[in-house]
Amino acid sequence: MSEKTLADRLKAAGYVTGLVGKWHLGALPEMHPQQRGFDEFFGFLGGAHDYFQSAGILRGNEPVNELDYTSDAFGREATAFIERNRAKPWFLYLAFNAVHTPMQATDERLAKFSGAADKQRQTYDAMMLAMDEAIGRVRKTLADHRPGAGHIGGVH
């Protein structure tokens, strides 16, 4: 492929590059994120994905055998990438699959919206909460490691 991605360019400039989440450029080997400039990949290679099933979730090229809920897993993987690379310049592309079909949420989060007008709205709200919580954890990790916060800061 002659096209260069942002990850290709940043990797060439010395950044550690990572992708967590949905990669929607296909499953052909030459389109895999690690062939398109990403050093690390955790996620899936297609469109809609079940939020609870590990089938199709990869770490690099290796299948992941356990998964709790994609939004939670993607948030954890993103914060772990930031922690691992905090002393270096890095680029992370974080692409949640929420809120997207199939409409699925954890029972704990669904219970928080028991007063919703209907089941679809309840599920949507619970899925949005999961993504908001994960983004909050990522933002906290960034704030904890910003220059002047008492930690070694990378380029964010």
Protein backbone atom coordinates (compact mmCIF):
# COMPACT_ATOMS: atom_id res chain seq x y z
CA MET A 1 0.00 0.00 0.00
CA SER A 2 1.39 3.36 -0.94
CA GLU A 3 -0.78 5.40 1.45
CA LYS A 4 0.82 6.38 4.73
CA THR A 5 -1.26 6.51 7.90
CA LEU A 6 -0.78 8.95 10.73
CA ALA A 7 0.60 6.00 12.71
CA ASP A 8 3.16 5.31 9.95
CA ARG A 9 4.36 8.90 10.08
CA LEU A 10 4.49 9.14 13.87
CA LYS A 11 6.24 5.78 14.18
CA ALA A 12 8.87 7.02 11.69
CA ALA A 13 9.28 10.12 13.89
CA GLY A 14 10.08 7.96 16.93
CA TYR A 15 6.68 7.61 18.56
CA VAL A 16 5.41 4.36 20.06
CA THR A 17 2.06 3.80 18.34
CA GLY A 18 -0.94 1.87 19.59
CA LEU A 19 -4.47 1.10 18.52
CA VAL A 20 -7.14 -0.06 20.94
CA GLY A 21 -10.63 -0.93 19.76
CA LYS A 22 -12.36 -1.09 16.42
CA TRP A 23 -10.30 -1.27 13.23
CA HIS A 24 -12.60 -1.02 10.27
CA LEU A 25 -10.16 -1.22 7.35
CA GLY A 26 -10.58 -4.93 6.79
CA ALA A 27 -9.05 -8.21 7.82
CA LEU A 28 -6.60 -8.71 4.95
CA PRO A 29 -3.08 -9.28 6.32
CA GLU A 30 -1.74 -6.13 4.63
CA MET A 31 -4.49 -4.05 6.28
CA HIS A 32 -3.79 -5.27 9.83
CA PRO A 33 -3.02 -2.32 12.14
CA GLN A 34 0.50 -3.59 12.74
CA GLN A 35 1.10 -3.42 8.99
CA ARG A 36 -0.28 0.13 8.92
CA GLY A 37 2.05 1.80 11.41
CA PHE A 38 0.84 0.59 14.79
CA ASP A 39 3.33 -1.09 17.14
CA GLU A 40 0.55 -2.47 19.35
CA PHE A 41 -3.02 -3.54 18.65
CA PHE A 42 -5.84 -4.73 20.90
CA GLY A 43 -9.27 -4.94 19.34
CA PHE A 44 -11.16 -6.32 16.38
CA LEU A 45 -10.90 -6.01 12.62
CA GLY A 46 -14.48 -5.53 11.46
CA GLY A 47 -17.73 -3.73 12.00
CA ALA A 48 -20.16 -4.60 14.77
CA HIS A 49 -18.83 -6.90 17.48
CA ASP A 50 -20.46 -8.61 20.44
CA TYR A 51 -19.57 -6.74 23.63
CA PHE A 52 -19.12 -9.88 25.75
CA GLN A 53 -17.54 -12.44 23.38
CA SER A 54 -13.79 -12.72 22.97
CA ALA A 55 -14.08 -14.39 19.54
CA GLY A 56 -12.51 -12.00 17.04
CA ILE A 57 -10.70 -9.89 19.64
CA LEU A 58 -6.95 -9.83 19.02
CA ARG A 59 -3.83 -8.71 20.85
CA GLY A 60 -1.54 -8.16 17.91
CA ASN A 61 -2.28 -11.23 15.82
CA GLU A 62 -3.11 -13.50 18.75
CA PRO A 63 -6.71 -14.28 19.73
CA VAL A 64 -7.81 -13.07 23.15
CA ASN A 65 -9.42 -15.88 25.15
CA GLU A 66 -11.20 -13.87 27.85
CA LEU A 67 -13.24 -10.70 27.69
CA ASP A 68 -15.61 -9.10 30.16
CA TYR A 69 -17.11 -6.17 28.21
CA THR A 70 -15.42 -4.40 25.31
CA SER A 71 -15.77 -0.85 26.66
CA ASP A 72 -14.17 -1.90 29.95
CA ALA A 73 -11.44 -3.88 28.20
CA PHE A 74 -10.65 -1.05 25.77
CA GLY A 75 -10.39 1.44 28.64
CA ARG A 76 -8.04 -0.86 30.55
CA GLU A 77 -5.88 -1.50 27.48
CA ALA A 78 -5.65 2.22 26.71
CA THR A 79 -4.60 3.13 30.25
CA ALA A 80 -2.06 0.28 30.25
CA PHE A 81 -0.58 1.56 26.96
CA ILE A 82 -0.24 5.05 28.44
CA GLU A 83 1.38 3.66 31.61
CA ARG A 84 3.83 1.49 29.65
CA ASN A 85 4.90 4.32 27.40
CA ARG A 86 4.66 7.35 29.66
CA ALA A 87 8.36 8.18 29.45
CA LYS A 88 8.42 8.16 25.63
CA PRO A 89 6.59 10.03 22.91
CA TRP A 90 3.51 8.01 22.01
CA PHE A 91 0.36 8.03 19.92
CA LEU A 92 -2.73 6.03 20.84
CA TYR A 93 -5.78 5.64 18.61
CA LEU A 94 -8.66 4.58 20.89
CA ALA A 95 -11.80 3.57 18.98
CA PHE A 96 -14.65 2.29 21.11
CA ASN A 97 -17.36 0.22 19.45
CA ALA A 98 -19.96 1.83 21.72
CA VAL A 99 -22.61 2.91 21.16
CA HIS A 100 -23.16 0.55 18.22
CA THR A 101 -25.13 -2.58 17.58
CA PRO A 102 -25.47 -5.12 18.95
CA MET A 103 -27.09 -3.23 21.81
CA GLN A 104 -25.60 -4.92 24.90
CA ALA A 105 -24.79 -3.72 28.39
CA THR A 106 -23.78 -5.15 31.74
CA ASP A 107 -26.53 -5.98 34.21
CA GLU A 108 -24.98 -3.62 36.77
CA ARG A 109 -25.18 -0.67 34.39
CA LEU A 110 -28.63 -1.60 33.11
CA ALA A 111 -29.88 -1.49 36.70
CA LYS A 112 -28.78 2.16 36.97
CA PHE A 113 -31.28 3.04 34.22
CA SER A 114 -34.24 0.95 35.32
CA GLY A 115 -36.50 3.99 34.98
CA ALA A 116 -35.77 4.45 31.27
CA ALA A 117 -38.75 4.74 28.93
CA ASP A 118 -38.02 1.41 27.24
CA LYS A 119 -35.45 -1.40 27.07
CA GLN A 120 -33.65 0.10 24.06
CA ARG A 121 -33.16 3.45 25.82
CA GLN A 122 -32.07 1.69 29.01
CA THR A 123 -29.46 -0.30 27.08
CA TYR A 124 -28.26 2.77 25.16
CA ASP A 125 -27.82 4.72 28.40
CA ALA A 126 -25.97 1.84 30.07
CA MET A 127 -23.65 1.47 27.06
CA MET A 128 -22.93 5.20 27.07
CA LEU A 129 -22.16 5.05 30.80
CA ALA A 130 -19.66 2.23 30.21
CA MET A 131 -17.87 4.26 27.56
CA ASP A 132 -17.93 7.42 29.72
CA GLU A 133 -16.42 5.49 32.64
CA ALA A 134 -13.65 4.08 30.43
CA ILE A 135 -12.88 7.51 28.96
CA GLY A 136 -12.79 8.91 32.49
CA ARG A 137 -10.16 6.34 33.47
CA VAL A 138 -8.08 7.22 30.40
CA ARG A 139 -8.35 10.94 31.14
CA LYS A 140 -7.33 10.37 34.75
CA THR A 141 -4.30 8.40 33.61
CA LEU A 142 -3.34 11.23 31.27
CA ALA A 143 -3.78 13.81 34.02
CA ASP A 144 -1.74 11.74 36.48
CA HIS A 145 1.16 11.59 34.03
CA ARG A 146 1.16 15.09 32.58
CA PRO A 147 4.36 17.09 32.98
CA GLY A 148 4.36 18.85 36.32
CA ALA A 149 2.07 16.28 37.93
CA GLY A 150 4.96 14.63 39.72
CA HIS A 151 5.42 11.94 37.07
CA ILE A 152 7.55 11.56 34.01
CA GLY A 153 5.40 12.83 31.16
CA GLY A 154 5.37 11.60 27.59
CA VAL A 155 4.15 13.54 24.60
CA HIS A 156 0.34 13.44 24.69
